[in-house]
Amino acid sequence: MILQRFLFVFCACVFNLVFGASLYHYQDYDNKEIDAVVELKNGDWCAFEIKLGANQIDFAAESLLKINKKIKEDPKGKPAKILCVICGLSNAAYKRPDGVYVVPITALKN
């Protein structure tokens, strides 16, 4: 939880300064949530789940996909441009067959 809070505050500053983007947290009435939502000036948005262990990647990806599907099905909904799981203990960045990106936190250092 501390890592998630730190990353949220850090990313909010970076995205705002670099991209002019806004950073939010998402939670719906079904208690489904997204750790970080980055909204660009043009209204496009990206969803990020932040997990410590690689054993949580599948669950996080499934959660992102379910929420994105629910938003797509809403006539007023605009689906995410990118779905991504940021993982504390992962070796490499890759794109899963379902389209969700997995990125180790260490890849964000440069």
PDB file of N, CA and C in Angstrom:
ATOM      1  N   MET A   1       0.813  -1.189   0.000  1.00  0.00           N
ATOM      2  CA  MET A   1       0.000   0.000   0.000  1.00  0.00           C
ATOM      3  C   MET A   1       0.862   1.260   0.000  1.00  0.00           C
ATOM      4  N   ILE A   2       1.965   1.252   0.721  1.00  0.00           N
ATOM      5  CA  ILE A   2       2.852   2.414   0.757  1.00  0.00           C
ATOM      6  C   ILE A   2       3.451   2.646  -0.627  1.00  0.00           C
ATOM      7  N   LEU A   3       3.857   1.572  -1.297  1.00  0.00           N
ATOM      8  CA  LEU A   3       4.405   1.688  -2.649  1.00  0.00           C
ATOM      9  C   LEU A   3       3.368   2.289  -3.588  1.00  0.00           C
ATOM     10  N   GLN A   4       2.141   1.850  -3.497  1.00  0.00           N
ATOM     11  CA  GLN A   4       1.080   2.372  -4.357  1.00  0.00           C
ATOM     12  C   GLN A   4       0.852   3.859  -4.122  1.00  0.00           C
ATOM     13  N   ARG A   5       0.838   4.270  -2.877  1.00  0.00           N
ATOM     14  CA  ARG A   5       0.632   5.696  -2.573  1.00  0.00           C
ATOM     15  C   ARG A   5       1.782   6.539  -3.087  1.00  0.00           C
ATOM     16  N   PHE A   6       3.004   6.064  -2.858  1.00  0.00           N
ATOM     17  CA  PHE A   6       4.180   6.796  -3.333  1.00  0.00           C
ATOM     18  C   PHE A   6       4.140   6.931  -4.852  1.00  0.00           C
ATOM     19  N   LEU A   7       3.884   5.830  -5.549  1.00  0.00           N
ATOM     20  CA  LEU A   7       3.851   5.865  -7.010  1.00  0.00           C
ATOM     21  C   LEU A   7       2.737   6.778  -7.519  1.00  0.00           C
ATOM     22  N   PHE A   8       1.616   6.776  -6.839  1.00  0.00           N
ATOM     23  CA  PHE A   8       0.504   7.622  -7.257  1.00  0.00           C
ATOM     24  C   PHE A   8       0.901   9.099  -7.197  1.00  0.00           C
ATOM     25  N   VAL A   9       1.483   9.515  -6.084  1.00  0.00           N
ATOM     26  CA  VAL A   9       1.888  10.911  -5.923  1.00  0.00           C
ATOM     27  C   VAL A   9       3.008  11.262  -6.894  1.00  0.00           C
ATOM     28  N   PHE A  10       3.987  10.380  -7.009  1.00  0.00           N
ATOM     29  CA  PHE A  10       5.114  10.609  -7.916  1.00  0.00           C
ATOM     30  C   PHE A  10       4.628  10.731  -9.364  1.00  0.00           C
ATOM     31  N   CYS A  11       3.810   9.790  -9.792  1.00  0.00           N
ATOM     32  CA  CYS A  11       3.312   9.804 -11.170  1.00  0.00           C
ATOM     33  C   CYS A  11       2.434  11.018 -11.435  1.00  0.00           C
ATOM     34  N   ALA A  12       1.663  11.440 -10.453  1.00  0.00           N
ATOM     35  CA  ALA A  12       0.823  12.625 -10.626  1.00  0.00           C
ATOM     36  C   ALA A  12       1.679  13.828 -10.978  1.00  0.00           C
ATOM     37  N   CYS A  13       2.774  13.995 -10.273  1.00  0.00           N
ATOM     38  CA  CYS A  13       3.674  15.118 -10.535  1.00  0.00           C
ATOM     39  C   CYS A  13       4.316  14.994 -11.912  1.00  0.00           C
ATOM     40  N   VAL A  14       4.826  13.818 -12.231  1.00  0.00           N
ATOM     41  CA  VAL A  14       5.513  13.606 -13.510  1.00  0.00           C
ATOM     42  C   VAL A  14       4.568  13.788 -14.684  1.00  0.00           C
ATOM     43  N   PHE A  15       3.417  13.137 -14.651  1.00  0.00           N
ATOM     44  CA  PHE A  15       2.479  13.227 -15.769  1.00  0.00           C
ATOM     45  C   PHE A  15       1.976  14.648 -15.973  1.00  0.00           C
ATOM     46  N   ASN A  16       1.743  15.354 -14.882  1.00  0.00           N
ATOM     47  CA  ASN A  16       1.279  16.723 -15.001  1.00  0.00           C
ATOM     48  C   ASN A  16       2.356  17.617 -15.594  1.00  0.00           C
ATOM     49  N   LEU A  17       3.580  17.476 -15.131  1.00  0.00           N
ATOM     50  CA  LEU A  17       4.673  18.317 -15.628  1.00  0.00           C
ATOM     51  C   LEU A  17       5.059  17.979 -17.060  1.00  0.00           C
ATOM     52  N   VAL A  18       5.176  16.709 -17.369  1.00  0.00           N
ATOM     53  CA  VAL A  18       5.680  16.295 -18.680  1.00  0.00           C
ATOM     54  C   VAL A  18       4.593  16.315 -19.748  1.00  0.00           C
ATOM     55  N   PHE A  19       3.436  15.790 -19.458  1.00  0.00           N
ATOM     56  CA  PHE A  19       2.411  15.612 -20.472  1.00  0.00           C
ATOM     57  C   PHE A  19       1.204  16.550 -20.322  1.00  0.00           C
ATOM     58  N   GLY A  20       1.145  17.276 -19.250  1.00  0.00           N
ATOM     59  CA  GLY A  20      -0.053  18.059 -18.994  1.00  0.00           C
ATOM     60  C   GLY A  20      -1.243  17.168 -18.708  1.00  0.00           C
ATOM     61  N   ALA A  21      -0.981  15.976 -18.215  1.00  0.00           N
ATOM     62  CA  ALA A  21      -2.029  14.992 -17.946  1.00  0.00           C
ATOM     63  C   ALA A  21      -2.449  15.054 -16.483  1.00  0.00           C
ATOM     64  N   SER A  22      -3.590  14.455 -16.197  1.00  0.00           N
ATOM     65  CA  SER A  22      -4.086  14.370 -14.824  1.00  0.00           C
ATOM     66  C   SER A  22      -4.082  12.918 -14.373  1.00  0.00           C
ATOM     67  N   LEU A  23      -3.880  12.718 -13.090  1.00  0.00           N
ATOM     68  CA  LEU A  23      -3.829  11.375 -12.524  1.00  0.00           C
ATOM     69  C   LEU A  23      -4.958  11.213 -11.520  1.00  0.00           C
ATOM     70  N   TYR A  24      -5.695  10.107 -11.657  1.00  0.00           N
ATOM     71  CA  TYR A  24      -6.838   9.838 -10.793  1.00  0.00           C
ATOM     72  C   TYR A  24      -6.801   8.396 -10.290  1.00  0.00           C
ATOM     73  N   HIS A  25      -7.658   8.137  -9.325  1.00  0.00           N
ATOM     74  CA  HIS A  25      -7.951   6.780  -8.863  1.00  0.00           C
ATOM     75  C   HIS A  25      -9.392   6.505  -9.279  1.00  0.00           C
ATOM     76  N   TYR A  26      -9.691   5.255  -9.667  1.00  0.00           N
ATOM     77  CA  TYR A  26     -11.042   4.904 -10.112  1.00  0.00           C
ATOM     78  C   TYR A  26     -11.638   3.850  -9.196  1.00  0.00           C
ATOM     79  N   GLN A  27     -12.880   4.064  -8.805  1.00  0.00           N
ATOM     80  CA  GLN A  27     -13.643   3.045  -8.089  1.00  0.00           C
ATOM     81  C   GLN A  27     -15.098   3.199  -8.483  1.00  0.00           C
ATOM     82  N   ASP A  28     -15.743   2.077  -8.854  1.00  0.00           N
ATOM     83  CA  ASP A  28     -17.147   2.147  -9.263  1.00  0.00           C
ATOM     84  C   ASP A  28     -18.060   1.635  -8.154  1.00  0.00           C
ATOM     85  N   TYR A  29     -19.361   1.590  -8.448  1.00  0.00           N
ATOM     86  CA  TYR A  29     -20.342   1.182  -7.447  1.00  0.00           C
ATOM     87  C   TYR A  29     -20.279  -0.310  -7.116  1.00  0.00           C
ATOM     88  N   ASP A  30     -19.587  -1.091  -7.938  1.00  0.00           N
ATOM     89  CA  ASP A  30     -19.390  -2.520  -7.667  1.00  0.00           C
ATOM     90  C   ASP A  30     -18.090  -2.770  -6.916  1.00  0.00           C
ATOM     91  N   ASN A  31     -17.441  -1.709  -6.440  1.00  0.00           N
ATOM     92  CA  ASN A  31     -16.152  -1.765  -5.736  1.00  0.00           C
ATOM     93  C   ASN A  31     -15.011  -2.274  -6.604  1.00  0.00           C
ATOM     94  N   LYS A  32     -15.148  -2.157  -7.913  1.00  0.00           N
ATOM     95  CA  LYS A  32     -14.045  -2.434  -8.821  1.00  0.00           C
ATOM     96  C   LYS A  32     -13.200  -1.167  -8.859  1.00  0.00           C
ATOM     97  N   GLU A  33     -11.869  -1.332  -8.863  1.00  0.00           N
ATOM     98  CA  GLU A  33     -11.034  -0.147  -8.840  1.00  0.00           C
ATOM     99  C   GLU A  33      -9.810  -0.276  -9.736  1.00  0.00           C
ATOM    100  N   ILE A  34      -9.276   0.880 -10.083  1.00  0.00           N
ATOM    101  CA  ILE A  34      -8.034   0.980 -10.833  1.00  0.00           C
ATOM    102  C   ILE A  34      -7.120   1.865  -9.999  1.00  0.00           C
ATOM    103  N   ASP A  35      -5.892   1.406  -9.754  1.00  0.00           N
ATOM    104  CA  ASP A  35      -4.975   2.142  -8.895  1.00  0.00           C
ATOM    105  C   ASP A  35      -4.647   3.528  -9.443  1.00  0.00           C
ATOM    106  N   ALA A  36      -4.365   3.621 -10.732  1.00  0.00           N
ATOM    107  CA  ALA A  36      -4.009   4.910 -11.324  1.00  0.00           C
ATOM    108  C   ALA A  36      -4.620   5.037 -12.717  1.00  0.00           C
ATOM    109  N   VAL A  37      -5.287   6.147 -12.952  1.00  0.00           N
ATOM    110  CA  VAL A  37      -5.847   6.467 -14.254  1.00  0.00           C
ATOM    111  C   VAL A  37      -5.190   7.766 -14.711  1.00  0.00           C
ATOM    112  N   VAL A  38      -4.531   7.716 -15.851  1.00  0.00           N
ATOM    113  CA  VAL A  38      -3.898   8.906 -16.413  1.00  0.00           C
ATOM    114  C   VAL A  38      -4.789   9.400 -17.548  1.00  0.00           C
ATOM    115  N   GLU A  39      -5.266  10.636 -17.412  1.00  0.00           N
ATOM    116  CA  GLU A  39      -6.114  11.229 -18.443  1.00  0.00           C
ATOM    117  C   GLU A  39      -5.341  12.326 -19.158  1.00  0.00           C
ATOM    118  N   LEU A  40      -5.246  12.195 -20.478  1.00  0.00           N
ATOM    119  CA  LEU A  40      -4.565  13.190 -21.286  1.00  0.00           C
ATOM    120  C   LEU A  40      -5.506  14.347 -21.613  1.00  0.00           C
ATOM    121  N   LYS A  41      -4.944  15.437 -22.095  1.00  0.00           N
ATOM    122  CA  LYS A  41      -5.745  16.629 -22.408  1.00  0.00           C
ATOM    123  C   LYS A  41      -6.839  16.349 -23.435  1.00  0.00           C
ATOM    124  N   ASN A  42      -6.599  15.403 -24.360  1.00  0.00           N
ATOM    125  CA  ASN A  42      -7.589  15.115 -25.406  1.00  0.00           C
ATOM    126  C   ASN A  42      -8.697  14.160 -24.938  1.00  0.00           C
ATOM    127  N   GLY A  43      -8.668  13.754 -23.673  1.00  0.00           N
ATOM    128  CA  GLY A  43      -9.698  12.880 -23.128  1.00  0.00           C
ATOM    129  C   GLY A  43      -9.346  11.400 -23.163  1.00  0.00           C
ATOM    130  N   ASP A  44      -8.286  11.033 -23.884  1.00  0.00           N
ATOM    131  CA  ASP A  44      -7.831   9.640 -23.853  1.00  0.00           C
ATOM    132  C   ASP A  44      -7.308   9.332 -22.451  1.00  0.00           C
ATOM    133  N   TRP A  45      -7.403   8.054 -22.081  1.00  0.00           N
ATOM    134  CA  TRP A  45      -6.926   7.681 -20.752  1.00  0.00           C
ATOM    135  C   TRP A  45      -6.297   6.300 -20.752  1.00  0.00           C
ATOM    136  N   CYS A  46      -5.475   6.060 -19.757  1.00  0.00           N
ATOM    137  CA  CYS A  46      -4.765   4.792 -19.586  1.00  0.00           C
ATOM    138  C   CYS A  46      -4.982   4.320 -18.154  1.00  0.00           C
ATOM    139  N   ALA A  47      -5.061   3.002 -17.985  1.00  0.00           N
ATOM    140  CA  ALA A  47      -5.315   2.414 -16.670  1.00  0.00           C
ATOM    141  C   ALA A  47      -4.108   1.616 -16.204  1.00  0.00           C
ATOM    142  N   PHE A  48      -3.729   1.807 -14.940  1.00  0.00           N
ATOM    143  CA  PHE A  48      -2.569   1.143 -14.366  1.00  0.00           C
ATOM    144  C   PHE A  48      -2.938   0.478 -13.046  1.00  0.00           C
ATOM    145  N   GLU A  49      -2.594  -0.777 -12.922  1.00  0.00           N
ATOM    146  CA  GLU A  49      -2.669  -1.487 -11.651  1.00  0.00           C
ATOM    147  C   GLU A  49      -1.239  -1.627 -11.149  1.00  0.00           C
ATOM    148  N   ILE A  50      -1.018  -1.431  -9.866  1.00  0.00           N
ATOM    149  CA  ILE A  50       0.314  -1.501  -9.282  1.00  0.00           C
ATOM    150  C   ILE A  50       0.341  -2.671  -8.310  1.00  0.00           C
ATOM    151  N   LYS A  51       1.232  -3.626  -8.579  1.00  0.00           N
ATOM    152  CA  LYS A  51       1.337  -4.836  -7.761  1.00  0.00           C
ATOM    153  C   LYS A  51       2.786  -5.079  -7.382  1.00  0.00           C
ATOM    154  N   LEU A  52       2.994  -5.657  -6.215  1.00  0.00           N
ATOM    155  CA  LEU A  52       4.359  -5.962  -5.781  1.00  0.00           C
ATOM    156  C   LEU A  52       4.918  -7.212  -6.437  1.00  0.00           C
ATOM    157  N   GLY A  53       4.156  -8.285  -6.420  1.00  0.00           N
ATOM    158  CA  GLY A  53       4.668  -9.567  -6.885  1.00  0.00           C
ATOM    159  C   GLY A  53       4.162  -9.991  -8.244  1.00  0.00           C
ATOM    160  N   ALA A  54       4.980 -10.761  -8.936  1.00  0.00           N
ATOM    161  CA  ALA A  54       4.606 -11.284 -10.253  1.00  0.00           C
ATOM    162  C   ALA A  54       3.415 -12.238 -10.157  1.00  0.00           C
ATOM    163  N   ASN A  55       3.194 -12.805  -8.975  1.00  0.00           N
ATOM    164  CA  ASN A  55       2.064 -13.720  -8.803  1.00  0.00           C
ATOM    165  C   ASN A  55       0.716 -13.001  -8.828  1.00  0.00           C
ATOM    166  N   GLN A  56       0.708 -11.672  -8.834  1.00  0.00           N
ATOM    167  CA  GLN A  56      -0.525 -10.898  -8.850  1.00  0.00           C
ATOM    168  C   GLN A  56      -0.843 -10.322 -10.233  1.00  0.00           C
ATOM    169  N   ILE A  57       0.021 -10.563 -11.204  1.00  0.00           N
ATOM    170  CA  ILE A  57      -0.143  -9.976 -12.534  1.00  0.00           C
ATOM    171  C   ILE A  57      -1.425 -10.447 -13.206  1.00  0.00           C
ATOM    172  N   ASP A  58      -1.693 -11.744 -13.194  1.00  0.00           N
ATOM    173  CA  ASP A  58      -2.891 -12.271 -13.861  1.00  0.00           C
ATOM    174  C   ASP A  58      -4.172 -11.682 -13.283  1.00  0.00           C
ATOM    175  N   PHE A  59      -4.256 -11.625 -11.973  1.00  0.00           N
ATOM    176  CA  PHE A  59      -5.442 -11.065 -11.320  1.00  0.00           C
ATOM    177  C   PHE A  59      -5.615  -9.592 -11.683  1.00  0.00           C
ATOM    178  N   ALA A  60      -4.529  -8.840 -11.661  1.00  0.00           N
ATOM    179  CA  ALA A  60      -4.590  -7.405 -11.980  1.00  0.00           C
ATOM    180  C   ALA A  60      -5.008  -7.183 -13.427  1.00  0.00           C
ATOM    181  N   ALA A  61      -4.461  -7.980 -14.339  1.00  0.00           N
ATOM    182  CA  ALA A  61      -4.804  -7.848 -15.760  1.00  0.00           C
ATOM    183  C   ALA A  61      -6.279  -8.173 -15.992  1.00  0.00           C
ATOM    184  N   GLU A  62      -6.767  -9.236 -15.370  1.00  0.00           N
ATOM    185  CA  GLU A  62      -8.176  -9.603 -15.508  1.00  0.00           C
ATOM    186  C   GLU A  62      -9.095  -8.500 -14.983  1.00  0.00           C
ATOM    187  N   SER A  63      -8.698  -7.896 -13.885  1.00  0.00           N
ATOM    188  CA  SER A  63      -9.484  -6.813 -13.309  1.00  0.00           C
ATOM    189  C   SER A  63      -9.543  -5.624 -14.265  1.00  0.00           C
ATOM    190  N   LEU A  64      -8.416  -5.251 -14.847  1.00  0.00           N
ATOM    191  CA  LEU A  64      -8.390  -4.145 -15.811  1.00  0.00           C
ATOM    192  C   LEU A  64      -9.271  -4.451 -17.021  1.00  0.00           C
ATOM    193  N   LEU A  65      -9.183  -5.668 -17.519  1.00  0.00           N
ATOM    194  CA  LEU A  65      -9.975  -6.050 -18.691  1.00  0.00           C
ATOM    195  C   LEU A  65     -11.474  -6.010 -18.402  1.00  0.00           C
ATOM    196  N   LYS A  66     -11.875  -6.475 -17.218  1.00  0.00           N
ATOM    197  CA  LYS A  66     -13.294  -6.475 -16.850  1.00  0.00           C
ATOM    198  C   LYS A  66     -13.839  -5.051 -16.749  1.00  0.00           C
ATOM    199  N   ILE A  67     -13.074  -4.175 -16.108  1.00  0.00           N
ATOM    200  CA  ILE A  67     -13.522  -2.789 -15.966  1.00  0.00           C
ATOM    201  C   ILE A  67     -13.592  -2.118 -17.334  1.00  0.00           C
ATOM    202  N   ASN A  68     -12.591  -2.338 -18.162  1.00  0.00           N
ATOM    203  CA  ASN A  68     -12.569  -1.727 -19.492  1.00  0.00           C
ATOM    204  C   ASN A  68     -13.738  -2.229 -20.341  1.00  0.00           C
ATOM    205  N   LYS A  69     -14.069  -3.516 -20.217  1.00  0.00           N
ATOM    206  CA  LYS A  69     -15.205  -4.078 -20.955  1.00  0.00           C
ATOM    207  C   LYS A  69     -16.507  -3.422 -20.506  1.00  0.00           C
ATOM    208  N   LYS A  70     -16.654  -3.251 -19.200  1.00  0.00           N
ATOM    209  CA  LYS A  70     -17.852  -2.614 -18.656  1.00  0.00           C
ATOM    210  C   LYS A  70     -17.986  -1.175 -19.188  1.00  0.00           C
ATOM    211  N   ILE A  71     -16.888  -0.469 -19.252  1.00  0.00           N
ATOM    212  CA  ILE A  71     -16.909   0.909 -19.753  1.00  0.00           C
ATOM    213  C   ILE A  71     -17.233   0.931 -21.249  1.00  0.00           C
ATOM    214  N   LYS A  72     -16.667  -0.011 -22.014  1.00  0.00           N
ATOM    215  CA  LYS A  72     -16.958  -0.105 -23.457  1.00  0.00           C
ATOM    216  C   LYS A  72     -18.441  -0.331 -23.722  1.00  0.00           C
ATOM    217  N   GLU A  73     -19.072  -1.131 -22.868  1.00  0.00           N
ATOM    218  CA  GLU A  73     -20.484  -1.478 -23.057  1.00  0.00           C
ATOM    219  C   GLU A  73     -21.428  -0.327 -22.720  1.00  0.00           C
ATOM    220  N   ASP A  74     -20.951   0.650 -21.993  1.00  0.00           N
ATOM    221  CA  ASP A  74     -21.760   1.829 -21.671  1.00  0.00           C
ATOM    222  C   ASP A  74     -21.794   2.735 -22.897  1.00  0.00           C
ATOM    223  N   PRO A  75     -22.981   3.136 -23.340  1.00  0.00           N
ATOM    224  CA  PRO A  75     -23.069   3.985 -24.538  1.00  0.00           C
ATOM    225  C   PRO A  75     -22.258   5.283 -24.434  1.00  0.00           C
ATOM    226  N   LYS A  76     -22.080   5.784 -23.230  1.00  0.00           N
ATOM    227  CA  LYS A  76     -21.304   7.010 -23.029  1.00  0.00           C
ATOM    228  C   LYS A  76     -19.846   6.729 -22.673  1.00  0.00           C
ATOM    229  N   GLY A  77     -19.488   5.450 -22.563  1.00  0.00           N
ATOM    230  CA  GLY A  77     -18.152   5.075 -22.123  1.00  0.00           C
ATOM    231  C   GLY A  77     -17.091   5.214 -23.198  1.00  0.00           C
ATOM    232  N   LYS A  78     -15.910   5.564 -22.776  1.00  0.00           N
ATOM    233  CA  LYS A  78     -14.753   5.645 -23.661  1.00  0.00           C
ATOM    234  C   LYS A  78     -13.688   4.719 -23.075  1.00  0.00           C
ATOM    235  N   PRO A  79     -13.376   3.608 -23.763  1.00  0.00           N
ATOM    236  CA  PRO A  79     -12.431   2.649 -23.197  1.00  0.00           C
ATOM    237  C   PRO A  79     -11.008   3.203 -23.108  1.00  0.00           C
ATOM    238  N   ALA A  80     -10.229   2.581 -22.278  1.00  0.00           N
ATOM    239  CA  ALA A  80      -8.831   2.980 -22.091  1.00  0.00           C
ATOM    240  C   ALA A  80      -8.017   2.720 -23.346  1.00  0.00           C
ATOM    241  N   LYS A  81      -7.059   3.579 -23.588  1.00  0.00           N
ATOM    242  CA  LYS A  81      -6.132   3.383 -24.708  1.00  0.00           C
ATOM    243  C   LYS A  81      -5.084   2.335 -24.355  1.00  0.00           C
ATOM    244  N   ILE A  82      -4.691   2.303 -23.086  1.00  0.00           N
ATOM    245  CA  ILE A  82      -3.667   1.365 -22.625  1.00  0.00           C
ATOM    246  C   ILE A  82      -4.085   0.792 -21.284  1.00  0.00           C
ATOM    247  N   LEU A  83      -3.900  -0.515 -21.129  1.00  0.00           N
ATOM    248  CA  LEU A  83      -4.070  -1.201 -19.856  1.00  0.00           C
ATOM    249  C   LEU A  83      -2.702  -1.724 -19.458  1.00  0.00           C
ATOM    250  N   CYS A  84      -2.283  -1.448 -18.222  1.00  0.00           N
ATOM    251  CA  CYS A  84      -0.920  -1.803 -17.833  1.00  0.00           C
ATOM    252  C   CYS A  84      -0.866  -2.208 -16.365  1.00  0.00           C
ATOM    253  N   VAL A  85      -0.103  -3.258 -16.093  1.00  0.00           N
ATOM    254  CA  VAL A  85       0.191  -3.669 -14.726  1.00  0.00           C
ATOM    255  C   VAL A  85       1.642  -3.302 -14.460  1.00  0.00           C
ATOM    256  N   ILE A  86       1.860  -2.458 -13.466  1.00  0.00           N
ATOM    257  CA  ILE A  86       3.214  -2.113 -13.040  1.00  0.00           C
ATOM    258  C   ILE A  86       3.539  -3.030 -11.877  1.00  0.00           C
ATOM    259  N   CYS A  87       4.631  -3.758 -12.006  1.00  0.00           N
ATOM    260  CA  CYS A  87       4.964  -4.802 -11.048  1.00  0.00           C
ATOM    261  C   CYS A  87       6.302  -4.524 -10.374  1.00  0.00           C
ATOM    262  N   GLY A  88       6.327  -4.677  -9.066  1.00  0.00           N
ATOM    263  CA  GLY A  88       7.561  -4.450  -8.312  1.00  0.00           C
ATOM    264  C   GLY A  88       8.600  -5.529  -8.521  1.00  0.00           C
ATOM    265  N   LEU A  89       8.170  -6.752  -8.680  1.00  0.00           N
ATOM    266  CA  LEU A  89       9.108  -7.865  -8.794  1.00  0.00           C
ATOM    267  C   LEU A  89       8.878  -8.616 -10.100  1.00  0.00           C
ATOM    268  N   SER A  90       9.329  -8.036 -11.183  1.00  0.00           N
ATOM    269  CA  SER A  90       9.208  -8.647 -12.496  1.00  0.00           C
ATOM    270  C   SER A  90      10.504  -8.392 -13.250  1.00  0.00           C
ATOM    271  N   ASN A  91      10.844  -9.281 -14.165  1.00  0.00           N
ATOM    272  CA  ASN A  91      12.133  -9.177 -14.840  1.00  0.00           C
ATOM    273  C   ASN A  91      12.112  -8.392 -16.141  1.00  0.00           C
ATOM    274  N   ALA A  92      10.999  -8.404 -16.836  1.00  0.00           N
ATOM    275  CA  ALA A  92      10.980  -7.788 -18.163  1.00  0.00           C
ATOM    276  C   ALA A  92       9.613  -7.168 -18.451  1.00  0.00           C
ATOM    277  N   ALA A  93       9.617  -6.177 -19.336  1.00  0.00           N
ATOM    278  CA  ALA A  93       8.365  -5.585 -19.803  1.00  0.00           C
ATOM    279  C   ALA A  93       7.883  -6.379 -21.013  1.00  0.00           C
ATOM    280  N   TYR A  94       6.587  -6.607 -21.088  1.00  0.00           N
ATOM    281  CA  TYR A  94       6.038  -7.355 -22.216  1.00  0.00           C
ATOM    282  C   TYR A  94       4.557  -7.056 -22.365  1.00  0.00           C
ATOM    283  N   LYS A  95       4.022  -7.431 -23.518  1.00  0.00           N
ATOM    284  CA  LYS A  95       2.588  -7.291 -23.772  1.00  0.00           C
ATOM    285  C   LYS A  95       1.979  -8.679 -23.754  1.00  0.00           C
ATOM    286  N   ARG A  96       0.976  -8.866 -22.934  1.00  0.00           N
ATOM    287  CA  ARG A  96       0.299 -10.152 -22.819  1.00  0.00           C
ATOM    288  C   ARG A  96      -0.570 -10.393 -24.053  1.00  0.00           C
ATOM    289  N   PRO A  97      -0.924 -11.641 -24.324  1.00  0.00           N
ATOM    290  CA  PRO A  97      -1.813 -11.940 -25.461  1.00  0.00           C
ATOM    291  C   PRO A  97      -3.161 -11.214 -25.401  1.00  0.00           C
ATOM    292  N   ASP A  98      -3.629 -10.872 -24.198  1.00  0.00           N
ATOM    293  CA  ASP A  98      -4.909 -10.160 -24.067  1.00  0.00           C
ATOM    294  C   ASP A  98      -4.763  -8.644 -24.249  1.00  0.00           C
ATOM    295  N   GLY A  99      -3.529  -8.176 -24.520  1.00  0.00           N
ATOM    296  CA  GLY A  99      -3.295  -6.765 -24.797  1.00  0.00           C
ATOM    297  C   GLY A  99      -2.846  -5.934 -23.610  1.00  0.00           C
ATOM    298  N   VAL A 100      -2.817  -6.518 -22.422  1.00  0.00           N
ATOM    299  CA  VAL A 100      -2.390  -5.790 -21.226  1.00  0.00           C
ATOM    300  C   VAL A 100      -0.861  -5.789 -21.166  1.00  0.00           C
ATOM    301  N   TYR A 101      -0.299  -4.601 -20.939  1.00  0.00           N
ATOM    302  CA  TYR A 101       1.146  -4.486 -20.786  1.00  0.00           C
ATOM    303  C   TYR A 101       1.538  -4.788 -19.351  1.00  0.00           C
ATOM    304  N   VAL A 102       2.700  -5.402 -19.183  1.00  0.00           N
ATOM    305  CA  VAL A 102       3.279  -5.641 -17.870  1.00  0.00           C
ATOM    306  C   VAL A 102       4.641  -4.968 -17.864  1.00  0.00           C
ATOM    307  N   VAL A 103       4.843  -4.081 -16.887  1.00  0.00           N
ATOM    308  CA  VAL A 103       6.077  -3.294 -16.844  1.00  0.00           C
ATOM    309  C   VAL A 103       6.652  -3.357 -15.427  1.00  0.00           C
ATOM    310  N   PRO A 104       7.919  -3.773 -15.300  1.00  0.00           N
ATOM    311  CA  PRO A 104       8.537  -3.755 -13.972  1.00  0.00           C
ATOM    312  C   PRO A 104       8.800  -2.313 -13.554  1.00  0.00           C
ATOM    313  N   ILE A 105       8.678  -2.052 -12.273  1.00  0.00           N
ATOM    314  CA  ILE A 105       8.882  -0.698 -11.763  1.00  0.00           C
ATOM    315  C   ILE A 105      10.274  -0.195 -12.116  1.00  0.00           C
ATOM    316  N   THR A 106      11.237  -1.087 -12.205  1.00  0.00           N
ATOM    317  CA  THR A 106      12.606  -0.669 -12.519  1.00  0.00           C
ATOM    318  C   THR A 106      12.736  -0.126 -13.931  1.00  0.00           C
ATOM    319  N   ALA A 107      11.800  -0.463 -14.817  1.00  0.00           N
ATOM    320  CA  ALA A 107      11.841   0.054 -16.193  1.00  0.00           C
ATOM    321  C   ALA A 107      11.447   1.522 -16.256  1.00  0.00           C
ATOM    322  N   LEU A 108      10.874   2.051 -15.192  1.00  0.00           N
ATOM    323  CA  LEU A 108      10.410   3.433 -15.183  1.00  0.00           C
ATOM    324  C   LEU A 108      11.476   4.408 -14.682  1.00  0.00           C
ATOM    325  N   LYS A 109      12.678   3.892 -14.401  1.00  0.00           N
ATOM    326  CA  LYS A 109      13.694   4.756 -13.790  1.00  0.00           C
ATOM    327  C   LYS A 109      14.330   5.736 -14.758  1.00  0.00           C
ATOM    328  N   ASN A 110      14.329   5.463 -16.053  1.00  0.00           N
ATOM    329  CA  ASN A 110      14.973   6.374 -17.015  1.00  0.00           C
ATOM    330  C   ASN A 110      13.948   7.034 -17.890  1.00  0.00           C
TER     331      ASN A 110
END
